Protein backbone atom coordinates (compact mmCIF):
# COMPACT_ATOMS: atom_id res chain seq x y z
CA MET A 1 0.06 -0.21 -0.43
CA GLU A 2 1.51 3.40 -1.06
CA ALA A 3 1.56 6.12 1.48
CA LYS A 4 0.20 9.64 0.70
CA PRO A 5 1.30 12.51 2.92
CA PHE A 6 -1.04 15.05 1.59
CA ARG A 7 -4.26 12.93 1.94
CA ASP A 8 -7.00 14.56 3.10
CA LEU A 9 -5.17 17.69 2.94
CA GLU A 10 -7.91 20.18 3.57
CA HIS A 11 -5.92 23.64 2.37
CA MET A 12 -2.15 24.28 1.59
CA GLU A 13 -0.91 27.80 1.21
CA LEU A 14 1.89 29.57 -0.23
CA LYS A 15 3.08 32.95 1.30
CA VAL A 16 5.76 35.54 0.08
CA HIS A 17 5.69 38.85 1.24
CA LEU A 18 8.27 42.03 0.39
CA TYR A 19 8.52 45.26 2.05
CA GLY A 20 10.91 48.00 3.36
CA ILE A 21 11.52 49.04 6.71
CA VAL A 22 11.42 52.61 7.06
CA LEU A 23 12.75 52.59 10.64
CA GLY A 24 13.78 49.68 12.24
CA GLY A 25 15.98 48.62 15.71
CA LEU A 26 17.90 45.72 16.81
CA ASP A 27 19.50 44.89 20.07
CA SER A 28 23.43 45.02 19.65
CA PRO A 29 26.48 43.91 22.00
CA PHE A 30 28.72 46.34 19.51
CA THR A 31 26.48 49.26 20.58
CA ARG A 32 26.33 48.14 24.21
CA TYR A 33 29.62 47.45 24.97
CA VAL A 34 31.51 50.15 22.74
CA GLN A 35 29.26 52.85 22.16
CA LYS A 36 27.51 52.68 25.59
CA GLY A 37 24.20 51.61 24.09
CA GLU A 38 21.35 49.53 23.72
CA TYR A 39 19.98 49.47 20.00
CA ILE A 40 21.22 50.31 16.56
CA PHE A 41 18.36 52.10 14.38
CA GLY A 42 18.37 51.63 10.61
CA SER A 43 16.48 51.42 7.36
CA GLY A 44 16.49 48.51 5.20
CA ALA A 45 13.88 45.43 3.27
CA ALA A 46 12.27 42.08 4.47
CA GLY A 47 11.33 39.47 3.00
CA LYS A 48 8.93 36.23 4.17
CA ILE A 49 8.47 32.87 2.56
CA GLY A 50 6.19 30.19 4.64
CA LEU A 51 4.16 27.12 3.56
CA VAL A 52 1.09 26.24 5.77
CA PHE A 53 -0.69 23.29 5.91
CA SER A 54 -4.27 22.14 7.44
CA TRP A 55 -6.18 19.11 8.15
CA GLU A 56 -9.26 18.67 9.60
CA ASP A 57 -7.68 18.62 13.24
CA PHE A 58 -4.10 19.17 12.55
CA SER A 59 -1.89 22.12 11.02
CA SER A 60 1.42 23.03 9.98
CA SER A 61 3.57 25.89 8.74
CA LEU A 62 7.24 26.40 8.01
CA PHE A 63 8.73 30.26 7.67
CA TYR A 64 11.80 31.92 6.88
CA TYR A 65 12.06 35.61 7.16
CA LYS A 66 15.07 37.62 6.22
CA TYR A 67 16.19 41.47 7.22
CA TRP A 68 18.65 43.89 5.94
CA PHE A 69 18.98 47.13 7.70
CA HIS A 70 21.73 49.62 7.13
CA THR A 71 22.29 51.96 10.66
CA LEU A 72 21.57 55.06 10.13
CA ARG A 73 22.56 55.89 13.90
CA GLY A 74 26.02 54.66 15.51
CA VAL A 75 28.59 52.62 13.40
CA ASP A 76 27.96 52.37 10.06
CA SER A 77 27.31 48.74 9.14
CA ASP A 78 25.16 46.54 7.45
CA ASN A 79 23.19 43.91 9.53
CA LEU A 80 21.37 40.64 8.66
CA VAL A 81 18.88 38.77 10.57
CA GLY A 82 17.50 35.62 9.48
CA ILE A 83 14.44 33.56 11.20
CA PHE A 84 13.60 30.14 10.53
CA SER A 85 10.52 28.93 11.91
CA PHE A 86 8.66 25.64 12.14
CA SER A 87 5.20 24.99 14.35
CA VAL A 88 2.43 22.38 14.33
CA GLU A 89 -1.17 22.70 16.12
CA TYR A 90 -3.51 20.23 16.91
CA THR A 91 -7.45 20.65 17.90
CA LEU A 92 -8.30 19.16 20.86
CA ARG A 93 -12.14 20.36 20.82
CA LYS A 94 -13.60 23.17 18.59
CA ASP A 95 -12.10 26.04 20.72
CA PHE A 96 -9.06 24.61 22.25
CA ARG A 97 -5.38 23.82 20.32
CA VAL A 98 -2.48 22.65 21.74
CA GLY A 99 0.42 23.74 19.92
CA ALA A 100 4.69 23.87 19.51
CA GLU A 101 7.06 26.22 17.85
CA MET A 102 10.66 26.16 16.98
CA HIS A 103 12.79 29.02 15.67
CA VAL A 104 16.45 29.15 14.57
CA TYR A 105 17.92 33.00 14.67
CA ASP A 106 21.11 34.02 12.73
CA ARG A 107 22.31 37.34 13.40
CA TRP A 108 25.57 39.04 10.89
CA SER A 109 26.86 42.26 11.21
CA SER A 110 29.62 44.08 8.99
CA VAL A 111 30.83 45.04 12.37
CA GLY A 112 31.63 41.32 13.49
CA MET A 113 30.89 41.46 17.21
CA ASP A 114 26.80 40.85 16.62
CA ASN A 115 27.73 37.48 15.08
CA THR A 116 24.84 35.21 16.75
CA SER A 117 23.10 31.94 16.32
CA ARG A 118 20.40 30.90 18.89
CA PHE A 119 17.64 28.43 18.65
CA GLY A 120 13.76 28.97 20.43
CA ALA A 121 11.01 26.56 21.43
CA ARG A 122 7.60 27.12 22.96
CA THR A 123 4.30 25.17 23.55
CA TYR A 124 1.02 26.76 24.27
CA LEU A 125 -2.67 25.97 24.74
CA SER A 126 -5.20 28.52 23.16
CA HIS A 127 -9.03 28.83 23.71
CA ALA A 128 -11.26 30.94 21.07
CA LEU A 129 -13.83 32.88 22.83
């Protein structure tokens, strides 16, 4: 018998977004330790691509976000931030859902000190009123 992973799939959606950032902020170890500030401020651009899958009681999504900032205040630098996100959610009852998310965050800066990678996860229970 052949397995069909998309059998009973109710909905599949591809999302693509491109946008400009007039003013954004990033926390910055370089700014904190060298310039005695907390954040860098700049403008730039961003993009997001993602897939959302929905079955009767289950849904899942994959997203990747990419941000580019050029510093307007502080040291002259370019900054790239990438975020990969994966989530699953299950319907327990019509108005109760349980879910889990995983995020991987990468940061690169042309000054070198702000280059980091981080991981985050959460679980949740939601109730619709």
